[in-house]
């Protein structure tokens, strides 16, 4: 095929983001505006419409997007691009979907980058709460910022945190004699419960976070 299929996937804090698209090649052409004219609605790819799929709700440039699969459309302009997510995910690239199925429409400032011969989607930045998704073809880059909901539960209230503070003596209840008795001191700092074990547990850091994981009084140790 002249424009081969490509896929890129990124997981951020348990949320998986997948882009499927076909990759047109510049072939000595200037993609914008020679291949795609200014003001023309276009899926950033070829053949079937490019799709963005997320398995958890996200925010795209600060705008809420529900869990699901969407076709992606763009309207390029010299100074500002329109980006559209449409709930009709299976569309041929020459058949723009109905506006009634739009999930989101936003504007983005394009940036300049190095020459990219084949249209490419990639994640140049990944952080604890999100990622940057770039569409790059020719010397044009369209950046999109995706943020996700944190998987970590909300912090325990100050009143409840106070009930756990203090010093504990931990006695192993198994038969492994290599596990020592341990002193655990629980403190509260910056709205978060912390533990300090003497000696350190399993050779990890002596100090760690106590992260709530469900029913009251249950925590995961965060080193």
Protein backbone atom coordinates (compact mmCIF):
# COMPACT_ATOMS: atom_id res chain seq x y z
CA UNK A 1 0.00 0.00 0.00
CA UNK A 2 1.17 3.54 -0.68
CA UNK A 3 0.20 4.47 2.88
CA UNK A 4 0.91 1.61 5.27
CA UNK A 5 -0.93 1.09 8.54
CA UNK A 6 0.72 2.15 11.80
CA UNK A 7 -0.19 1.90 15.48
CA UNK A 8 1.20 3.60 18.56
CA UNK A 9 0.14 2.85 22.14
CA UNK A 10 1.06 4.50 25.42
CA UNK A 11 -0.02 3.59 28.95
CA UNK A 12 -0.14 6.34 31.59
CA UNK A 13 -1.00 5.40 35.17
CA UNK A 14 -3.21 2.50 34.05
CA UNK A 15 -4.90 4.36 31.15
CA UNK A 16 -4.05 2.98 27.69
CA UNK A 17 -4.07 5.39 24.73
CA UNK A 18 -3.97 3.89 21.21
CA UNK A 19 -3.75 5.62 17.83
CA UNK A 20 -4.31 3.61 14.62
CA UNK A 21 -3.65 5.32 11.31
CA UNK A 22 -2.36 4.94 7.77
CA UNK A 23 0.90 6.76 7.00
CA UNK A 24 1.05 8.85 3.81
CA UNK A 25 4.55 9.70 2.53
CA UNK A 26 5.61 13.18 1.42
CA UNK A 27 7.49 12.02 -1.72
CA UNK A 28 9.03 15.44 -2.47
CA UNK A 29 5.74 17.21 -1.77
CA UNK A 30 5.03 19.82 0.91
CA UNK A 31 2.24 18.22 3.00
CA UNK A 32 0.65 21.54 3.99
CA UNK A 33 -0.76 23.12 1.86
CA UNK A 34 0.26 21.14 -1.26
CA UNK A 35 -1.19 17.74 -0.24
CA UNK A 36 -3.76 18.97 2.30
CA UNK A 37 -5.11 22.43 1.51
CA UNK A 38 -5.74 25.08 4.15
CA UNK A 39 -9.30 24.99 5.46
CA UNK A 40 -10.02 21.42 4.28
CA UNK A 41 -11.30 18.83 6.79
CA UNK A 42 -8.93 15.89 6.70
CA UNK A 43 -8.19 12.79 8.73
CA UNK A 44 -4.50 12.86 9.73
CA UNK A 45 -3.61 9.80 7.70
CA UNK A 46 -4.96 7.98 4.65
CA UNK A 47 -7.35 5.18 3.64
CA UNK A 48 -9.55 4.68 6.75
CA UNK A 49 -9.90 7.49 9.26
CA UNK A 50 -7.30 7.73 11.99
CA UNK A 51 -8.69 6.60 15.35
CA UNK A 52 -7.92 7.47 18.96
CA UNK A 53 -9.01 4.90 21.55
CA UNK A 54 -8.82 5.28 25.34
CA UNK A 55 -9.84 2.63 27.87
CA UNK A 56 -10.48 5.21 30.61
CA UNK A 57 -11.82 8.78 30.51
CA UNK A 58 -9.15 11.37 29.69
CA UNK A 59 -8.78 15.09 29.13
CA UNK A 60 -7.52 16.35 25.78
CA UNK A 61 -6.04 19.84 26.10
CA UNK A 62 -8.12 20.16 29.24
CA UNK A 63 -11.40 18.99 27.64
CA UNK A 64 -13.12 15.83 28.96
CA UNK A 65 -13.24 12.81 26.63
CA UNK A 66 -15.17 9.68 27.73
CA UNK A 67 -13.74 6.19 27.42
CA UNK A 68 -14.19 4.96 23.83
CA UNK A 69 -12.90 4.95 20.25
CA UNK A 70 -13.09 8.05 18.04
CA UNK A 71 -12.18 9.01 14.50
CA UNK A 72 -9.79 11.96 14.35
CA UNK A 73 -10.20 14.87 11.93
CA UNK A 74 -8.27 18.08 11.51
CA UNK A 75 -8.75 21.36 9.65
CA UNK A 76 -5.30 22.89 9.01
CA UNK A 77 -4.68 26.60 8.85
CA UNK A 78 -1.40 28.49 8.77
CA UNK A 79 -1.66 29.79 12.35
CA UNK A 80 -4.24 27.57 14.05
CA UNK A 81 -5.59 24.05 13.52
CA UNK A 82 -8.99 22.64 14.45
CA UNK A 83 -8.93 19.12 15.92
CA UNK A 84 -12.14 17.06 16.01
CA UNK A 85 -12.98 13.76 17.71
CA UNK A 86 -16.04 12.01 16.27
CA UNK A 87 -17.90 9.07 17.78
CA UNK A 88 -18.28 7.50 14.31
CA UNK A 89 -14.93 5.70 14.34
CA UNK A 90 -15.19 3.73 11.08
CA UNK A 91 -15.09 6.23 8.23
CA UNK A 92 -13.28 6.26 4.89
CA UNK A 93 -10.83 9.14 4.68
CA UNK A 94 -12.79 10.98 1.93
CA UNK A 95 -16.07 10.82 3.89
CA UNK A 96 -16.04 13.28 6.82
CA UNK A 97 -18.56 12.29 9.51
CA UNK A 98 -21.69 14.14 10.54
CA UNK A 99 -21.18 17.01 12.95
CA UNK A 100 -23.99 15.58 15.11
CA UNK A 101 -21.60 12.77 16.13
CA UNK A 102 -18.83 15.11 17.29
CA UNK A 103 -17.52 14.42 20.76
CA UNK A 104 -15.03 17.29 20.88
CA UNK A 105 -13.76 20.19 18.77
CA UNK A 106 -10.79 22.29 19.83
CA UNK A 107 -8.10 24.54 18.37
CA UNK A 108 -4.34 23.93 18.54
CA UNK A 109 -1.30 26.00 17.62
CA UNK A 110 0.99 24.05 15.25
CA UNK A 111 4.75 23.94 15.79
CA UNK A 112 7.73 23.47 13.49
CA UNK A 113 9.88 20.34 13.57
CA UNK A 114 12.47 18.45 11.57
CA UNK A 115 11.43 16.95 8.23
CA UNK A 116 9.28 13.82 8.74
CA UNK A 117 8.85 11.92 5.48
CA UNK A 118 5.99 9.62 6.59
CA UNK A 119 3.16 10.99 8.72
CA UNK A 120 3.85 9.93 12.30
CA UNK A 121 2.06 9.96 15.64
CA UNK A 122 4.27 9.64 18.72
CA UNK A 123 4.47 10.43 22.44
CA UNK A 124 7.56 12.61 23.00
CA UNK A 125 6.67 13.36 26.65
CA UNK A 126 5.18 10.99 29.23
CA UNK A 127 4.56 12.14 32.81
CA UNK A 128 2.91 10.65 35.88
CA UNK A 129 -0.46 12.14 34.97
CA UNK A 130 -0.42 12.36 31.18
CA UNK A 131 1.43 12.50 27.89
CA UNK A 132 1.95 14.70 24.85
CA UNK A 133 0.73 13.19 21.58
CA UNK A 134 2.30 14.71 18.46
CA UNK A 135 1.08 14.46 14.86
CA UNK A 136 4.14 15.15 12.70
CA UNK A 137 4.34 15.32 8.91
CA UNK A 138 6.80 17.29 6.85
CA UNK A 139 7.98 20.07 9.12
CA UNK A 140 4.59 20.54 10.81
CA UNK A 141 3.90 19.27 14.34
CA UNK A 142 0.45 19.37 15.97
CA UNK A 143 0.85 18.73 19.73
CA UNK A 144 -1.99 17.45 21.90
CA UNK A 145 -1.81 17.16 25.69
CA UNK A 146 -3.55 14.16 27.24
CA UNK A 147 -4.12 13.96 30.99
CA UNK A 148 -5.51 10.97 32.89
CA UNK A 149 -7.28 10.43 36.19
CA UNK A 150 -4.82 9.23 38.86
CA UNK A 151 -5.17 5.62 39.91
CA UNK A 152 -4.06 6.49 43.44
CA UNK A 153 -7.05 6.83 45.79
CA UNK A 154 -7.68 10.16 47.51
CA UNK A 155 -5.61 10.83 50.59
CA UNK A 156 -7.07 9.79 53.92
CA UNK A 157 -8.75 12.63 55.81
CA UNK A 158 -6.81 14.36 58.57
CA UNK A 159 -9.18 12.96 61.20
CA UNK A 160 -8.69 9.40 59.99
CA UNK A 161 -4.93 9.82 59.54
CA UNK A 162 -4.65 10.77 63.21
CA UNK A 163 -6.00 7.35 64.24
CA UNK A 164 -3.00 5.56 62.70
CA UNK A 165 -0.18 7.70 64.10
CA UNK A 166 2.21 6.13 66.57
CA UNK A 167 4.70 3.29 67.04
CA UNK A 168 3.92 -0.36 66.36
CA UNK A 169 5.78 -3.58 67.02
CA UNK A 170 5.46 -6.06 64.13
CA UNK A 171 5.94 -9.74 64.86
CA UNK A 172 6.20 -12.21 61.93
CA UNK A 173 3.46 -14.84 61.99
CA UNK A 174 5.15 -17.21 59.52
CA UNK A 175 7.82 -19.84 59.92
CA UNK A 176 10.60 -18.00 58.02
CA UNK A 177 13.12 -17.25 60.75
CA UNK A 178 14.96 -14.83 58.46
CA UNK A 179 12.13 -12.30 58.82
CA UNK A 180 13.00 -10.08 61.80
CA UNK A 181 10.74 -8.43 64.29
CA UNK A 182 10.24 -4.83 63.21
CA UNK A 183 9.42 -1.49 64.78
CA UNK A 184 7.11 0.63 62.61
CA UNK A 185 6.61 4.32 63.27
CA UNK A 186 3.71 6.02 61.42
CA UNK A 187 3.83 9.78 60.91
CA UNK A 188 1.76 12.38 59.05
CA UNK A 189 3.41 14.90 56.71
CA UNK A 190 1.96 16.95 53.85
CA UNK A 191 -1.40 15.18 54.12
CA UNK A 192 0.13 11.74 53.61
CA UNK A 193 0.81 8.87 56.00
CA UNK A 194 4.43 7.70 56.10
CA UNK A 195 5.99 4.65 57.71
CA UNK A 196 9.53 4.13 58.99
CA UNK A 197 10.63 0.56 59.65
CA UNK A 198 13.55 -0.52 61.85
CA UNK A 199 15.11 -2.60 60.41
CA UNK A 200 14.10 -1.76 56.83
CA UNK A 201 11.55 -4.13 55.28
CA UNK A 202 12.96 -6.56 52.71
CA UNK A 203 16.02 -4.40 52.17
CA UNK A 204 14.03 -1.50 50.70
CA UNK A 205 14.11 2.10 51.90
CA UNK A 206 13.41 2.38 55.59
CA UNK A 207 10.88 5.19 54.98
CA UNK A 208 7.89 4.74 52.65
CA UNK A 209 4.36 5.99 51.92
CA UNK A 210 1.27 4.24 53.23
CA UNK A 211 -1.14 4.37 50.27
CA UNK A 212 -4.83 3.55 50.95
CA UNK A 213 -6.05 0.71 48.73
CA UNK A 214 -9.66 0.02 49.70
CA UNK A 215 -11.38 -0.70 52.99
CA UNK A 216 -10.41 1.54 55.90
CA UNK A 217 -7.16 0.45 57.46
CA UNK A 218 -5.70 -1.26 54.37
CA UNK A 219 -2.61 0.25 52.77
CA UNK A 220 -0.04 -0.49 50.09
CA UNK A 221 3.58 0.31 50.88
CA UNK A 222 4.89 2.84 48.37
CA UNK A 223 8.68 2.92 48.20
